[in-house]
PDB file of N, CA and C in Angstrom:
ATOM      1  N   UNK A   1      11.780  -7.386 -12.094  1.00  0.00           N
ATOM      2  CA  UNK A   1      11.793  -7.129 -10.664  1.00  0.00           C
ATOM      3  C   UNK A   1      11.785  -8.481  -9.952  1.00  0.00           C
ATOM      4  N   UNK A   2      12.617  -8.602  -8.940  1.00  0.00           N
ATOM      5  CA  UNK A   2      12.654  -9.838  -8.175  1.00  0.00           C
ATOM      6  C   UNK A   2      11.379  -9.978  -7.354  1.00  0.00           C
ATOM      7  N   UNK A   3      10.986 -11.218  -7.098  1.00  0.00           N
ATOM      8  CA  UNK A   3       9.755 -11.522  -6.378  1.00  0.00           C
ATOM      9  C   UNK A   3       9.718 -10.864  -5.005  1.00  0.00           C
ATOM     10  N   UNK A   4      10.821 -10.935  -4.254  1.00  0.00           N
ATOM     11  CA  UNK A   4      10.824 -10.373  -2.897  1.00  0.00           C
ATOM     12  C   UNK A   4      10.635  -8.855  -2.931  1.00  0.00           C
ATOM     13  N   UNK A   5      11.204  -8.192  -3.947  1.00  0.00           N
ATOM     14  CA  UNK A   5      11.008  -6.744  -4.088  1.00  0.00           C
ATOM     15  C   UNK A   5       9.552  -6.416  -4.387  1.00  0.00           C
ATOM     16  N   UNK A   6       8.948  -7.192  -5.293  1.00  0.00           N
ATOM     17  CA  UNK A   6       7.564  -6.964  -5.682  1.00  0.00           C
ATOM     18  C   UNK A   6       6.628  -7.098  -4.479  1.00  0.00           C
ATOM     19  N   UNK A   7       6.798  -8.168  -3.705  1.00  0.00           N
ATOM     20  CA  UNK A   7       5.940  -8.399  -2.538  1.00  0.00           C
ATOM     21  C   UNK A   7       6.150  -7.304  -1.506  1.00  0.00           C
ATOM     22  N   UNK A   8       7.398  -6.980  -1.201  1.00  0.00           N
ATOM     23  CA  UNK A   8       7.716  -5.953  -0.212  1.00  0.00           C
ATOM     24  C   UNK A   8       7.138  -4.598  -0.607  1.00  0.00           C
ATOM     25  N   UNK A   9       7.372  -4.195  -1.846  1.00  0.00           N
ATOM     26  CA  UNK A   9       6.882  -2.890  -2.303  1.00  0.00           C
ATOM     27  C   UNK A   9       5.361  -2.852  -2.351  1.00  0.00           C
ATOM     28  N   UNK A  10       4.727  -3.961  -2.733  1.00  0.00           N
ATOM     29  CA  UNK A  10       3.265  -4.010  -2.761  1.00  0.00           C
ATOM     30  C   UNK A  10       2.688  -3.797  -1.371  1.00  0.00           C
ATOM     31  N   UNK A  11       3.234  -4.500  -0.381  1.00  0.00           N
ATOM     32  CA  UNK A  11       2.742  -4.373   0.996  1.00  0.00           C
ATOM     33  C   UNK A  11       2.971  -2.955   1.516  1.00  0.00           C
ATOM     34  N   UNK A  12       4.147  -2.383   1.234  1.00  0.00           N
ATOM     35  CA  UNK A  12       4.440  -1.012   1.681  1.00  0.00           C
ATOM     36  C   UNK A  12       3.468  -0.010   1.065  1.00  0.00           C
ATOM     37  N   UNK A  13       3.216  -0.138  -0.250  1.00  0.00           N
ATOM     38  CA  UNK A  13       2.345   0.822  -0.914  1.00  0.00           C
ATOM     39  C   UNK A  13       0.889   0.654  -0.484  1.00  0.00           C
ATOM     40  N   UNK A  14       0.438  -0.581  -0.256  1.00  0.00           N
ATOM     41  CA  UNK A  14      -0.918  -0.800   0.246  1.00  0.00           C
ATOM     42  C   UNK A  14      -1.057  -0.187   1.631  1.00  0.00           C
ATOM     43  N   UNK A  15      -0.068  -0.417   2.500  1.00  0.00           N
ATOM     44  CA  UNK A  15      -0.100   0.140   3.860  1.00  0.00           C
ATOM     45  C   UNK A  15      -0.110   1.665   3.822  1.00  0.00           C
ATOM     46  N   UNK A  16       0.775   2.265   3.012  1.00  0.00           N
ATOM     47  CA  UNK A  16       0.813   3.724   2.892  1.00  0.00           C
ATOM     48  C   UNK A  16      -0.516   4.264   2.366  1.00  0.00           C
ATOM     49  N   UNK A  17      -1.107   3.563   1.396  1.00  0.00           N
ATOM     50  CA  UNK A  17      -2.392   3.981   0.838  1.00  0.00           C
ATOM     51  C   UNK A  17      -3.505   3.941   1.883  1.00  0.00           C
ATOM     52  N   UNK A  18      -3.507   2.900   2.701  1.00  0.00           N
ATOM     53  CA  UNK A  18      -4.518   2.802   3.758  1.00  0.00           C
ATOM     54  C   UNK A  18      -4.351   3.910   4.797  1.00  0.00           C
ATOM     55  N   UNK A  19      -3.117   4.204   5.182  1.00  0.00           N
ATOM     56  CA  UNK A  19      -2.864   5.268   6.156  1.00  0.00           C
ATOM     57  C   UNK A  19      -3.296   6.621   5.595  1.00  0.00           C
ATOM     58  N   UNK A  20      -2.905   6.915   4.345  1.00  0.00           N
ATOM     59  CA  UNK A  20      -3.291   8.184   3.725  1.00  0.00           C
ATOM     60  C   UNK A  20      -4.804   8.263   3.537  1.00  0.00           C
ATOM     61  N   UNK A  21      -5.418   7.158   3.131  1.00  0.00           N
ATOM     62  CA  UNK A  21      -6.870   7.131   2.966  1.00  0.00           C
ATOM     63  C   UNK A  21      -7.591   7.347   4.283  1.00  0.00           C
ATOM     64  N   UNK A  22      -7.079   6.747   5.340  1.00  0.00           N
ATOM     65  CA  UNK A  22      -7.668   6.914   6.672  1.00  0.00           C
ATOM     66  C   UNK A  22      -7.588   8.371   7.114  1.00  0.00           C
ATOM     67  N   UNK A  23      -6.438   9.005   6.901  1.00  0.00           N
ATOM     68  CA  UNK A  23      -6.289  10.414   7.272  1.00  0.00           C
ATOM     69  C   UNK A  23      -7.248  11.294   6.471  1.00  0.00           C
ATOM     70  N   UNK A  24      -7.405  11.003   5.203  1.00  0.00           N
ATOM     71  CA  UNK A  24      -8.310  11.774   4.341  1.00  0.00           C
ATOM     72  C   UNK A  24      -9.757  11.645   4.826  1.00  0.00           C
ATOM     73  N   UNK A  25     -10.173  10.421   5.133  1.00  0.00           N
ATOM     74  CA  UNK A  25     -11.542  10.194   5.625  1.00  0.00           C
ATOM     75  C   UNK A  25     -11.784  10.975   6.909  1.00  0.00           C
ATOM     76  N   UNK A  26     -10.833  10.936   7.824  1.00  0.00           N
ATOM     77  CA  UNK A  26     -11.005  11.612   9.115  1.00  0.00           C
ATOM     78  C   UNK A  26     -11.011  13.132   8.961  1.00  0.00           C
ATOM     79  N   UNK A  27     -10.244  13.674   7.989  1.00  0.00           N
ATOM     80  CA  UNK A  27     -10.240  15.121   7.747  1.00  0.00           C
ATOM     81  C   UNK A  27     -11.541  15.571   7.098  1.00  0.00           C
ATOM     82  N   UNK A  28     -12.040  14.815   6.144  1.00  0.00           N
ATOM     83  CA  UNK A  28     -13.226  15.197   5.389  1.00  0.00           C
ATOM     84  C   UNK A  28     -14.525  14.874   6.117  1.00  0.00           C
ATOM     85  N   UNK A  29     -14.493  13.920   7.007  1.00  0.00           N
ATOM     86  CA  UNK A  29     -15.681  13.515   7.748  1.00  0.00           C
ATOM     87  C   UNK A  29     -15.303  13.374   9.221  1.00  0.00           C
ATOM     88  N   UNK A  30     -15.271  14.492   9.952  1.00  0.00           N
ATOM     89  CA  UNK A  30     -14.798  14.482  11.341  1.00  0.00           C
ATOM     90  C   UNK A  30     -15.534  13.503  12.256  1.00  0.00           C
ATOM     91  N   UNK A  31     -16.770  13.162  11.938  1.00  0.00           N
ATOM     92  CA  UNK A  31     -17.522  12.230  12.779  1.00  0.00           C
ATOM     93  C   UNK A  31     -17.180  10.769  12.495  1.00  0.00           C
ATOM     94  N   UNK A  32     -16.426  10.543  11.455  1.00  0.00           N
ATOM     95  CA  UNK A  32     -16.069   9.183  11.083  1.00  0.00           C
ATOM     96  C   UNK A  32     -14.826   8.740  11.847  1.00  0.00           C
ATOM     97  N   UNK A  33     -14.768   7.461  12.132  1.00  0.00           N
ATOM     98  CA  UNK A  33     -13.572   6.902  12.765  1.00  0.00           C
ATOM     99  C   UNK A  33     -12.538   6.509  11.724  1.00  0.00           C
ATOM    100  N   UNK A  34     -12.863   6.670  10.471  1.00  0.00           N
ATOM    101  CA  UNK A  34     -11.930   6.300   9.409  1.00  0.00           C
ATOM    102  C   UNK A  34     -12.079   4.839   9.042  1.00  0.00           C
ATOM    103  N   UNK A  35     -10.994   4.245   8.631  1.00  0.00           N
ATOM    104  CA  UNK A  35     -10.998   2.844   8.226  1.00  0.00           C
ATOM    105  C   UNK A  35     -11.179   1.967   9.452  1.00  0.00           C
ATOM    106  N   UNK A  36     -12.016   0.958   9.337  1.00  0.00           N
ATOM    107  CA  UNK A  36     -12.299   0.069  10.452  1.00  0.00           C
ATOM    108  C   UNK A  36     -11.043  -0.697  10.868  1.00  0.00           C
ATOM    109  N   UNK A  37     -10.790  -0.754  12.165  1.00  0.00           N
ATOM    110  CA  UNK A  37      -9.641  -1.504  12.677  1.00  0.00           C
ATOM    111  C   UNK A  37      -9.847  -2.995  12.466  1.00  0.00           C
ATOM    112  N   UNK A  38      -8.765  -3.702  12.380  1.00  0.00           N
ATOM    113  CA  UNK A  38      -8.824  -5.154  12.249  1.00  0.00           C
ATOM    114  C   UNK A  38      -7.825  -5.651  11.235  1.00  0.00           C
ATOM    115  N   UNK A  39      -7.928  -6.915  10.949  1.00  0.00           N
ATOM    116  CA  UNK A  39      -7.020  -7.537   9.984  1.00  0.00           C
ATOM    117  C   UNK A  39      -7.619  -7.457   8.588  1.00  0.00           C
ATOM    118  N   UNK A  40      -6.749  -7.247   7.618  1.00  0.00           N
ATOM    119  CA  UNK A  40      -7.145  -7.230   6.213  1.00  0.00           C
ATOM    120  C   UNK A  40      -6.269  -8.228   5.475  1.00  0.00           C
ATOM    121  N   UNK A  41      -6.879  -8.909   4.540  1.00  0.00           N
ATOM    122  CA  UNK A  41      -6.154  -9.901   3.753  1.00  0.00           C
ATOM    123  C   UNK A  41      -5.762  -9.289   2.413  1.00  0.00           C
ATOM    124  N   UNK A  42      -4.488  -9.435   2.059  1.00  0.00           N
ATOM    125  CA  UNK A  42      -4.008  -9.056   0.733  1.00  0.00           C
ATOM    126  C   UNK A  42      -3.787 -10.367  -0.012  1.00  0.00           C
ATOM    127  N   UNK A  43      -4.486 -10.534  -1.116  1.00  0.00           N
ATOM    128  CA  UNK A  43      -4.348 -11.753  -1.916  1.00  0.00           C
ATOM    129  C   UNK A  43      -3.383 -11.483  -3.066  1.00  0.00           C
ATOM    130  N   UNK A  44      -2.337 -12.270  -3.143  1.00  0.00           N
ATOM    131  CA  UNK A  44      -1.374 -12.170  -4.233  1.00  0.00           C
ATOM    132  C   UNK A  44      -1.610 -13.318  -5.207  1.00  0.00           C
ATOM    133  N   UNK A  45      -1.640 -13.008  -6.488  1.00  0.00           N
ATOM    134  CA  UNK A  45      -1.710 -13.996  -7.566  1.00  0.00           C
ATOM    135  C   UNK A  45      -0.685 -13.522  -8.590  1.00  0.00           C
ATOM    136  N   UNK A  46       0.498 -14.092  -8.536  1.00  0.00           N
ATOM    137  CA  UNK A  46       1.652 -13.553  -9.254  1.00  0.00           C
ATOM    138  C   UNK A  46       2.152 -14.556 -10.292  1.00  0.00           C
ATOM    139  N   UNK A  47       2.446 -14.055 -11.479  1.00  0.00           N
ATOM    140  CA  UNK A  47       3.131 -14.854 -12.486  1.00  0.00           C
ATOM    141  C   UNK A  47       4.625 -14.679 -12.284  1.00  0.00           C
ATOM    142  N   UNK A  48       5.343 -15.785 -12.118  1.00  0.00           N
ATOM    143  CA  UNK A  48       6.795 -15.706 -11.913  1.00  0.00           C
ATOM    144  C   UNK A  48       7.511 -16.442 -13.034  1.00  0.00           C
ATOM    145  N   UNK A  49       8.727 -15.996 -13.316  1.00  0.00           N
ATOM    146  CA  UNK A  49       9.523 -16.604 -14.372  1.00  0.00           C
ATOM    147  C   UNK A  49      10.850 -17.099 -13.814  1.00  0.00           C
ATOM    148  N   UNK A  50      11.268 -18.243 -14.278  1.00  0.00           N
ATOM    149  CA  UNK A  50      12.621 -18.719 -14.007  1.00  0.00           C
ATOM    150  C   UNK A  50      13.271 -18.973 -15.355  1.00  0.00           C
ATOM    151  N   UNK A  51      14.552 -18.675 -15.433  1.00  0.00           N
ATOM    152  CA  UNK A  51      15.271 -18.739 -16.698  1.00  0.00           C
ATOM    153  C   UNK A  51      16.285 -19.866 -16.653  1.00  0.00           C
ATOM    154  N   UNK A  52      16.157 -20.820 -17.570  1.00  0.00           N
ATOM    155  CA  UNK A  52      17.134 -21.902 -17.695  1.00  0.00           C
ATOM    156  C   UNK A  52      17.951 -21.613 -18.939  1.00  0.00           C
ATOM    157  N   UNK A  53      19.049 -20.934 -18.747  1.00  0.00           N
ATOM    158  CA  UNK A  53      19.837 -20.543 -19.905  1.00  0.00           C
ATOM    159  C   UNK A  53      21.303 -20.712 -19.652  1.00  0.00           C
ATOM    160  N   UNK A  54      22.005 -19.593 -19.660  1.00  0.00           N
ATOM    161  CA  UNK A  54      23.450 -19.559 -19.518  1.00  0.00           C
ATOM    162  C   UNK A  54      23.881 -20.272 -18.242  1.00  0.00           C
ATOM    163  N   UNK A  55      24.620 -21.352 -18.371  1.00  0.00           N
ATOM    164  CA  UNK A  55      25.058 -22.139 -17.217  1.00  0.00           C
ATOM    165  C   UNK A  55      26.209 -21.481 -16.468  1.00  0.00           C
ATOM    166  N   UNK A  56      26.753 -20.368 -17.003  1.00  0.00           N
ATOM    167  CA  UNK A  56      27.840 -19.664 -16.324  1.00  0.00           C
ATOM    168  C   UNK A  56      27.332 -18.787 -15.191  1.00  0.00           C
ATOM    169  N   UNK A  57      26.014 -18.518 -15.170  1.00  0.00           N
ATOM    170  CA  UNK A  57      25.453 -17.680 -14.114  1.00  0.00           C
ATOM    171  C   UNK A  57      25.506 -18.414 -12.784  1.00  0.00           C
ATOM    172  N   UNK A  58      25.836 -17.692 -11.728  1.00  0.00           N
ATOM    173  CA  UNK A  58      25.877 -18.270 -10.395  1.00  0.00           C
ATOM    174  C   UNK A  58      24.578 -17.911  -9.687  1.00  0.00           C
ATOM    175  N   UNK A  59      23.901 -18.903  -9.123  1.00  0.00           N
ATOM    176  CA  UNK A  59      22.652 -18.666  -8.417  1.00  0.00           C
ATOM    177  C   UNK A  59      21.495 -18.526  -9.388  1.00  0.00           C
ATOM    178  N   UNK A  60      20.302 -18.479  -8.820  1.00  0.00           N
ATOM    179  CA  UNK A  60      19.094 -18.335  -9.629  1.00  0.00           C
ATOM    180  C   UNK A  60      18.197 -17.305  -8.984  1.00  0.00           C
ATOM    181  N   UNK A  61      17.443 -16.613  -9.807  1.00  0.00           N
ATOM    182  CA  UNK A  61      16.519 -15.609  -9.296  1.00  0.00           C
ATOM    183  C   UNK A  61      15.141 -15.894  -9.852  1.00  0.00           C
ATOM    184  N   UNK A  62      14.139 -15.674  -9.030  1.00  0.00           N
ATOM    185  CA  UNK A  62      12.758 -15.755  -9.493  1.00  0.00           C
ATOM    186  C   UNK A  62      12.286 -14.325  -9.673  1.00  0.00           C
ATOM    187  N   UNK A  63      11.794 -14.014 -10.847  1.00  0.00           N
ATOM    188  CA  UNK A  63      11.347 -12.663 -11.134  1.00  0.00           C
ATOM    189  C   UNK A  63       9.861 -12.660 -11.445  1.00  0.00           C
ATOM    190  N   UNK A  64       9.231 -11.506 -11.223  1.00  0.00           N
ATOM    191  CA  UNK A  64       7.816 -11.353 -11.532  1.00  0.00           C
ATOM    192  C   UNK A  64       7.687 -11.276 -13.045  1.00  0.00           C
ATOM    193  N   UNK A  65       6.756 -12.040 -13.594  1.00  0.00           N
ATOM    194  CA  UNK A  65       6.574 -12.092 -15.049  1.00  0.00           C
ATOM    195  C   UNK A  65       6.179 -10.720 -15.570  1.00  0.00           C
ATOM    196  N   UNK A  66       6.785 -10.347 -16.677  1.00  0.00           N
ATOM    197  CA  UNK A  66       6.478  -9.064 -17.297  1.00  0.00           C
ATOM    198  C   UNK A  66       5.300  -9.274 -18.232  1.00  0.00           C
ATOM    199  N   UNK A  67       4.188  -8.609 -17.928  1.00  0.00           N
ATOM    200  CA  UNK A  67       2.977  -8.784 -18.719  1.00  0.00           C
ATOM    201  C   UNK A  67       2.975  -7.845 -19.915  1.00  0.00           C
ATOM    202  N   UNK A  68       3.386  -6.607 -19.723  1.00  0.00           N
ATOM    203  CA  UNK A  68       3.378  -5.621 -20.793  1.00  0.00           C
ATOM    204  C   UNK A  68       4.805  -5.204 -21.110  1.00  0.00           C
ATOM    205  N   UNK A  69       5.079  -4.970 -22.378  1.00  0.00           N
ATOM    206  CA  UNK A  69       6.384  -4.481 -22.787  1.00  0.00           C
ATOM    207  C   UNK A  69       6.168  -3.388 -23.816  1.00  0.00           C
ATOM    208  N   UNK A  70       6.814  -2.251 -23.614  1.00  0.00           N
ATOM    209  CA  UNK A  70       6.683  -1.127 -24.525  1.00  0.00           C
ATOM    210  C   UNK A  70       8.022  -0.902 -25.201  1.00  0.00           C
ATOM    211  N   UNK A  71       8.000  -0.824 -26.522  1.00  0.00           N
ATOM    212  CA  UNK A  71       9.222  -0.529 -27.267  1.00  0.00           C
ATOM    213  C   UNK A  71      10.233  -1.650 -27.181  1.00  0.00           C
ATOM    214  N   UNK A  72      11.463  -1.318 -27.546  1.00  0.00           N
ATOM    215  CA  UNK A  72      12.542  -2.291 -27.502  1.00  0.00           C
ATOM    216  C   UNK A  72      12.522  -3.179 -28.733  1.00  0.00           C
ATOM    217  N   UNK A  73      13.554  -3.994 -28.859  1.00  0.00           N
ATOM    218  CA  UNK A  73      13.594  -4.904 -29.996  1.00  0.00           C
ATOM    219  C   UNK A  73      13.748  -6.329 -29.499  1.00  0.00           C
ATOM    220  N   UNK A  74      13.259  -7.233 -30.274  1.00  0.00           N
ATOM    221  CA  UNK A  74      13.299  -8.643 -29.899  1.00  0.00           C
ATOM    222  C   UNK A  74      14.686  -9.214 -30.153  1.00  0.00           C
ATOM    223  N   UNK A  75      15.110 -10.081 -29.256  1.00  0.00           N
ATOM    224  CA  UNK A  75      16.373 -10.777 -29.424  1.00  0.00           C
ATOM    225  C   UNK A  75      16.105 -12.264 -29.272  1.00  0.00           C
ATOM    226  N   UNK A  76      16.842 -13.059 -30.013  1.00  0.00           N
ATOM    227  CA  UNK A  76      16.679 -14.497 -29.849  1.00  0.00           C
ATOM    228  C   UNK A  76      17.791 -15.012 -28.942  1.00  0.00           C
ATOM    229  N   UNK A  77      17.461 -16.052 -28.188  1.00  0.00           N
ATOM    230  CA  UNK A  77      18.457 -16.659 -27.311  1.00  0.00           C
ATOM    231  C   UNK A  77      18.155 -18.136 -27.201  1.00  0.00           C
ATOM    232  N   UNK A  78      19.073 -18.868 -26.632  1.00  0.00           N
ATOM    233  CA  UNK A  78      18.898 -20.308 -26.500  1.00  0.00           C
ATOM    234  C   UNK A  78      18.428 -20.691 -25.109  1.00  0.00           C
ATOM    235  N   UNK A  79      17.899 -19.745 -24.357  1.00  0.00           N
ATOM    236  CA  UNK A  79      17.463 -20.046 -23.000  1.00  0.00           C
ATOM    237  C   UNK A  79      15.987 -20.427 -22.987  1.00  0.00           C
ATOM    238  N   UNK A  80      15.590 -21.107 -21.944  1.00  0.00           N
ATOM    239  CA  UNK A  80      14.205 -21.495 -21.744  1.00  0.00           C
ATOM    240  C   UNK A  80      13.662 -20.737 -20.546  1.00  0.00           C
ATOM    241  N   UNK A  81      12.526 -20.074 -20.729  1.00  0.00           N
ATOM    242  CA  UNK A  81      11.910 -19.334 -19.637  1.00  0.00           C
ATOM    243  C   UNK A  81      10.650 -20.075 -19.216  1.00  0.00           C
ATOM    244  N   UNK A  82      10.594 -20.438 -17.945  1.00  0.00           N
ATOM    245  CA  UNK A  82       9.424 -21.107 -17.379  1.00  0.00           C
ATOM    246  C   UNK A  82       8.594 -20.084 -16.621  1.00  0.00           C
ATOM    247  N   UNK A  83       7.304 -20.052 -16.900  1.00  0.00           N
ATOM    248  CA  UNK A  83       6.414 -19.137 -16.192  1.00  0.00           C
ATOM    249  C   UNK A  83       5.434 -19.953 -15.355  1.00  0.00           C
ATOM    250  N   UNK A  84       5.314 -19.601 -14.082  1.00  0.00           N
ATOM    251  CA  UNK A  84       4.411 -20.274 -13.153  1.00  0.00           C
ATOM    252  C   UNK A  84       3.642 -19.224 -12.373  1.00  0.00           C
ATOM    253  N   UNK A  85       2.591 -19.655 -11.704  1.00  0.00           N
ATOM    254  CA  UNK A  85       1.822 -18.753 -10.855  1.00  0.00           C
ATOM    255  C   UNK A  85       1.984 -19.149  -9.404  1.00  0.00           C
ATOM    256  N   UNK A  86       2.065 -18.133  -8.556  1.00  0.00           N
ATOM    257  CA  UNK A  86       2.117 -18.331  -7.110  1.00  0.00           C
ATOM    258  C   UNK A  86       0.951 -17.549  -6.527  1.00  0.00           C
ATOM    259  N   UNK A  87       0.175 -18.193  -5.682  1.00  0.00           N
ATOM    260  CA  UNK A  87      -0.934 -17.521  -5.009  1.00  0.00           C
ATOM    261  C   UNK A  87      -0.761 -17.687  -3.504  1.00  0.00           C
ATOM    262  N   UNK A  88      -0.944 -16.585  -2.764  1.00  0.00           N
ATOM    263  CA  UNK A  88      -0.889 -16.639  -1.311  1.00  0.00           C
ATOM    264  C   UNK A  88      -1.556 -15.402  -0.740  1.00  0.00           C
ATOM    265  N   UNK A  89      -1.873 -15.445   0.547  1.00  0.00           N
ATOM    266  CA  UNK A  89      -2.500 -14.335   1.247  1.00  0.00           C
ATOM    267  C   UNK A  89      -1.589 -13.849   2.360  1.00  0.00           C
ATOM    268  N   UNK A  90      -1.649 -12.546   2.621  1.00  0.00           N
ATOM    269  CA  UNK A  90      -0.920 -11.934   3.722  1.00  0.00           C
ATOM    270  C   UNK A  90      -1.924 -11.156   4.554  1.00  0.00           C
ATOM    271  N   UNK A  91      -1.899 -11.337   5.860  1.00  0.00           N
ATOM    272  CA  UNK A  91      -2.776 -10.568   6.752  1.00  0.00           C
ATOM    273  C   UNK A  91      -2.016  -9.363   7.287  1.00  0.00           C
ATOM    274  N   UNK A  92      -2.645  -8.190   7.222  1.00  0.00           N
ATOM    275  CA  UNK A  92      -2.048  -6.996   7.829  1.00  0.00           C
ATOM    276  C   UNK A  92      -3.037  -6.462   8.850  1.00  0.00           C
ATOM    277  N   UNK A  93      -2.513  -5.900   9.923  1.00  0.00           N
ATOM    278  CA  UNK A  93      -3.353  -5.333  10.966  1.00  0.00           C
ATOM    279  C   UNK A  93      -3.523  -3.835  10.702  1.00  0.00           C
ATOM    280  N   UNK A  94      -4.765  -3.379  10.776  1.00  0.00           N
ATOM    281  CA  UNK A  94      -5.085  -1.967  10.568  1.00  0.00           C
ATOM    282  C   UNK A  94      -5.567  -1.403  11.908  1.00  0.00           C
ATOM    283  N   UNK A  95      -4.971  -0.278  12.294  1.00  0.00           N
ATOM    284  CA  UNK A  95      -5.375   0.408  13.512  1.00  0.00           C
ATOM    285  C   UNK A  95      -5.841   1.794  13.121  1.00  0.00           C
ATOM    286  N   UNK A  96      -7.118   2.092  13.267  1.00  0.00           N
ATOM    287  CA  UNK A  96      -7.657   3.371  12.814  1.00  0.00           C
ATOM    288  C   UNK A  96      -7.174   4.557  13.627  1.00  0.00           C
ATOM    289  N   UNK A  97      -6.433   4.332  14.691  1.00  0.00           N
ATOM    290  CA  UNK A  97      -5.937   5.424  15.521  1.00  0.00           C
ATOM    291  C   UNK A  97      -4.643   6.020  14.978  1.00  0.00           C
ATOM    292  N   UNK A  98      -4.205   5.554  13.811  1.00  0.00           N
ATOM    293  CA  UNK A  98      -2.941   6.032  13.214  1.00  0.00           C
ATOM    294  C   UNK A  98      -3.072   7.482  12.857  1.00  0.00           C
TER     295      UNK A  98
END
């Protein structure tokens, strides 16, 4: 998965989870205001991979490092894969009136 897809989907799913959680709290506890309004920090600590291999490829992509692999067979190649970590925070605004 490309890095931009991973970050985008993570933020979307966290936001959807907060909205659904807020609705659940308000339904189950009518006296509650739900999730407190304000800014929330999402901390990302991501392993990314870059591939230095086939020189015929046009452009480069940074992908999220695959931690687990199920099944499949191993293949050998002459490429070099570099793995690095990127850490950053994103602030999202939460409004309990949603």
